[in-house]
Amino acid sequence: MTEQTTLNTLPIGASGRVTAVNGDSRITRRILEMGIIPGVLVQLIKSAPFDDPIEVSVRGYSLAMRRSEAAAIEVTL
């Protein structure tokens, strides 16, 4: 059984497959341009001391983003 959640709620070390990137802002477009598109596998690597930003691994590279930005990314576990 698969569970649907958002990237910002994943525990450290967990992976998920992107199912949607919601929104139509500049930041949403930039996320898509950086390769976080539906179907790609992402892993939450670590979180900063006060929980923001987070570091994710996608397509072989690391990417830092705010939790508010990660909330727009839906993933399946």
N, C-alpha and C. Protein backbone atom coordinates (compact mmCIF):
# COMPACT_ATOMS: atom_id res chain seq x y z
N MET A 1 0.84 -1.18 0.00
CA MET A 1 0.00 0.00 0.00
C MET A 1 0.88 1.25 0.00
N THR A 2 0.56 2.22 -0.82
CA THR A 2 1.34 3.44 -0.88
C THR A 2 0.67 4.54 -0.07
N GLU A 3 1.50 5.38 0.50
CA GLU A 3 1.00 6.48 1.32
C GLU A 3 1.37 7.80 0.67
N GLN A 4 0.41 8.69 0.54
CA GLN A 4 0.61 10.00 -0.07
C GLN A 4 0.89 11.03 1.03
N THR A 5 1.93 11.83 0.85
CA THR A 5 2.28 12.88 1.80
C THR A 5 3.00 13.99 1.06
N THR A 6 3.54 14.95 1.79
CA THR A 6 4.33 16.01 1.16
C THR A 6 5.78 15.89 1.60
N LEU A 7 6.66 16.44 0.80
CA LEU A 7 8.10 16.32 1.04
C LEU A 7 8.50 16.88 2.40
N ASN A 8 7.87 17.94 2.84
CA ASN A 8 8.25 18.56 4.11
C ASN A 8 7.93 17.70 5.33
N THR A 9 7.10 16.66 5.18
CA THR A 9 6.75 15.82 6.32
C THR A 9 7.53 14.50 6.37
N LEU A 10 8.38 14.25 5.40
CA LEU A 10 9.17 13.02 5.41
C LEU A 10 10.17 13.04 6.56
N PRO A 11 10.38 11.91 7.19
CA PRO A 11 11.43 11.84 8.22
C PRO A 11 12.82 11.81 7.55
N ILE A 12 13.83 12.21 8.27
CA ILE A 12 15.20 12.21 7.73
C ILE A 12 15.57 10.80 7.30
N GLY A 13 16.12 10.69 6.10
CA GLY A 13 16.54 9.41 5.54
C GLY A 13 15.48 8.73 4.69
N ALA A 14 14.24 9.21 4.76
CA ALA A 14 13.15 8.59 3.99
C ALA A 14 13.16 9.07 2.54
N SER A 15 12.68 8.20 1.66
CA SER A 15 12.58 8.52 0.24
C SER A 15 11.13 8.47 -0.20
N GLY A 16 10.85 9.18 -1.26
CA GLY A 16 9.52 9.15 -1.85
C GLY A 16 9.59 9.50 -3.32
N ARG A 17 8.58 9.10 -4.05
CA ARG A 17 8.50 9.41 -5.48
C ARG A 17 7.54 10.58 -5.66
N VAL A 18 8.00 11.61 -6.36
CA VAL A 18 7.19 12.81 -6.57
C VAL A 18 5.98 12.47 -7.43
N THR A 19 4.80 12.89 -6.97
CA THR A 19 3.58 12.67 -7.74
C THR A 19 3.03 13.98 -8.30
N ALA A 20 3.35 15.11 -7.63
CA ALA A 20 2.86 16.42 -8.11
C ALA A 20 3.66 17.54 -7.47
N VAL A 21 3.77 18.64 -8.20
CA VAL A 21 4.33 19.87 -7.66
C VAL A 21 3.23 20.91 -7.80
N ASN A 22 2.68 21.34 -6.68
CA ASN A 22 1.53 22.24 -6.67
C ASN A 22 1.94 23.70 -6.65
N GLY A 23 1.11 24.54 -7.25
CA GLY A 23 1.35 25.98 -7.23
C GLY A 23 1.72 26.50 -8.61
N ASP A 24 1.72 27.82 -8.73
CA ASP A 24 2.08 28.43 -10.01
C ASP A 24 2.97 29.65 -9.80
N SER A 25 3.73 29.64 -8.71
CA SER A 25 4.62 30.75 -8.40
C SER A 25 5.97 30.59 -9.11
N ARG A 26 6.80 31.62 -9.00
CA ARG A 26 8.16 31.56 -9.54
C ARG A 26 8.93 30.42 -8.91
N ILE A 27 8.75 30.24 -7.60
CA ILE A 27 9.49 29.20 -6.88
C ILE A 27 9.06 27.82 -7.36
N THR A 28 7.79 27.63 -7.59
CA THR A 28 7.31 26.34 -8.10
C THR A 28 7.93 26.03 -9.45
N ARG A 29 7.97 27.02 -10.33
CA ARG A 29 8.61 26.81 -11.64
C ARG A 29 10.09 26.49 -11.49
N ARG A 30 10.75 27.15 -10.55
CA ARG A 30 12.18 26.90 -10.32
C ARG A 30 12.40 25.48 -9.80
N ILE A 31 11.53 25.01 -8.93
CA ILE A 31 11.63 23.64 -8.43
C ILE A 31 11.55 22.66 -9.59
N LEU A 32 10.61 22.87 -10.49
CA LEU A 32 10.47 22.00 -11.66
C LEU A 32 11.72 22.07 -12.54
N GLU A 33 12.27 23.26 -12.72
CA GLU A 33 13.47 23.43 -13.54
C GLU A 33 14.67 22.71 -12.93
N MET A 34 14.69 22.57 -11.61
CA MET A 34 15.81 21.90 -10.93
C MET A 34 15.66 20.38 -10.98
N GLY A 35 14.64 19.87 -11.62
CA GLY A 35 14.51 18.43 -11.81
C GLY A 35 13.57 17.73 -10.88
N ILE A 36 12.90 18.46 -10.01
CA ILE A 36 11.91 17.82 -9.14
C ILE A 36 10.59 17.82 -9.88
N ILE A 37 10.40 16.74 -10.63
CA ILE A 37 9.21 16.60 -11.47
C ILE A 37 8.51 15.29 -11.11
N PRO A 38 7.24 15.15 -11.46
CA PRO A 38 6.54 13.89 -11.16
C PRO A 38 7.29 12.68 -11.70
N GLY A 39 7.41 11.66 -10.84
CA GLY A 39 8.07 10.42 -11.21
C GLY A 39 9.48 10.28 -10.67
N VAL A 40 10.10 11.37 -10.26
CA VAL A 40 11.49 11.32 -9.79
C VAL A 40 11.53 10.94 -8.31
N LEU A 41 12.57 10.23 -7.92
CA LEU A 41 12.76 9.80 -6.53
C LEU A 41 13.54 10.87 -5.76
N VAL A 42 13.05 11.26 -4.59
CA VAL A 42 13.74 12.23 -3.73
C VAL A 42 13.94 11.62 -2.35
N GLN A 43 15.02 12.03 -1.69
CA GLN A 43 15.30 11.56 -0.33
C GLN A 43 15.62 12.76 0.54
N LEU A 44 15.04 12.79 1.73
CA LEU A 44 15.34 13.85 2.70
C LEU A 44 16.63 13.47 3.40
N ILE A 45 17.67 14.28 3.22
CA ILE A 45 18.99 13.99 3.77
C ILE A 45 19.14 14.52 5.19
N LYS A 46 18.88 15.82 5.36
CA LYS A 46 19.00 16.39 6.70
C LYS A 46 18.22 17.68 6.80
N SER A 47 18.13 18.16 8.04
CA SER A 47 17.40 19.37 8.34
C SER A 47 18.32 20.31 9.12
N ALA A 48 18.20 21.60 8.91
CA ALA A 48 19.00 22.58 9.64
C ALA A 48 18.59 22.57 11.12
N PRO A 49 19.40 23.18 11.99
CA PRO A 49 19.12 23.14 13.43
C PRO A 49 17.72 23.59 13.84
N PHE A 50 17.17 24.60 13.20
CA PHE A 50 15.82 25.04 13.57
C PHE A 50 14.78 24.52 12.59
N ASP A 51 15.09 23.40 11.92
CA ASP A 51 14.18 22.69 11.02
C ASP A 51 13.98 23.34 9.65
N ASP A 52 14.70 24.41 9.36
CA ASP A 52 14.54 25.06 8.06
C ASP A 52 15.85 25.72 7.67
N PRO A 53 16.42 25.45 6.53
CA PRO A 53 15.91 24.67 5.42
C PRO A 53 16.19 23.18 5.58
N ILE A 54 15.75 22.41 4.58
CA ILE A 54 16.03 20.98 4.53
C ILE A 54 16.92 20.71 3.33
N GLU A 55 17.63 19.58 3.38
CA GLU A 55 18.46 19.16 2.25
C GLU A 55 17.86 17.88 1.69
N VAL A 56 17.64 17.87 0.38
CA VAL A 56 17.13 16.68 -0.29
C VAL A 56 18.10 16.24 -1.37
N SER A 57 18.08 14.96 -1.64
CA SER A 57 18.87 14.40 -2.73
C SER A 57 17.93 14.05 -3.86
N VAL A 58 18.25 14.55 -5.05
CA VAL A 58 17.42 14.30 -6.22
C VAL A 58 18.33 14.19 -7.44
N ARG A 59 18.16 13.15 -8.22
CA ARG A 59 18.93 12.95 -9.45
C ARG A 59 20.44 13.04 -9.25
N GLY A 60 20.91 12.57 -8.09
CA GLY A 60 22.34 12.52 -7.84
C GLY A 60 22.97 13.80 -7.31
N TYR A 61 22.19 14.80 -6.97
CA TYR A 61 22.75 16.01 -6.37
C TYR A 61 21.92 16.43 -5.17
N SER A 62 22.52 17.27 -4.33
CA SER A 62 21.84 17.77 -3.14
C SER A 62 21.25 19.13 -3.41
N LEU A 63 20.10 19.38 -2.81
CA LEU A 63 19.38 20.62 -3.00
C LEU A 63 18.81 21.06 -1.65
N ALA A 64 19.02 22.33 -1.31
CA ALA A 64 18.46 22.88 -0.08
C ALA A 64 17.20 23.67 -0.45
N MET A 65 16.17 23.52 0.37
CA MET A 65 14.94 24.28 0.15
C MET A 65 14.22 24.51 1.47
N ARG A 66 13.39 25.52 1.48
CA ARG A 66 12.59 25.80 2.67
C ARG A 66 11.50 24.75 2.83
N ARG A 67 11.09 24.51 4.05
CA ARG A 67 10.00 23.57 4.29
C ARG A 67 8.71 24.05 3.64
N SER A 68 8.50 25.36 3.58
CA SER A 68 7.29 25.89 2.94
C SER A 68 7.29 25.57 1.44
N GLU A 69 8.45 25.55 0.82
CA GLU A 69 8.54 25.17 -0.60
C GLU A 69 8.32 23.66 -0.75
N ALA A 70 8.88 22.89 0.16
CA ALA A 70 8.73 21.43 0.12
C ALA A 70 7.29 20.99 0.35
N ALA A 71 6.49 21.83 1.01
CA ALA A 71 5.09 21.50 1.27
C ALA A 71 4.28 21.44 -0.03
N ALA A 72 4.78 22.05 -1.10
CA ALA A 72 4.07 22.04 -2.38
C ALA A 72 4.37 20.78 -3.19
N ILE A 73 5.29 19.95 -2.70
CA ILE A 73 5.71 18.75 -3.44
C ILE A 73 5.07 17.52 -2.81
N GLU A 74 4.18 16.88 -3.55
CA GLU A 74 3.51 15.68 -3.09
C GLU A 74 4.35 14.47 -3.46
N VAL A 75 4.50 13.54 -2.51
CA VAL A 75 5.27 12.32 -2.74
C VAL A 75 4.49 11.09 -2.28
N THR A 76 4.83 9.96 -2.88
CA THR A 76 4.30 8.67 -2.48
C THR A 76 5.41 7.88 -1.85
N LEU A 77 5.15 7.30 -0.69
CA LEU A 77 6.17 6.50 0.01
C LEU A 77 6.22 5.10 -0.54
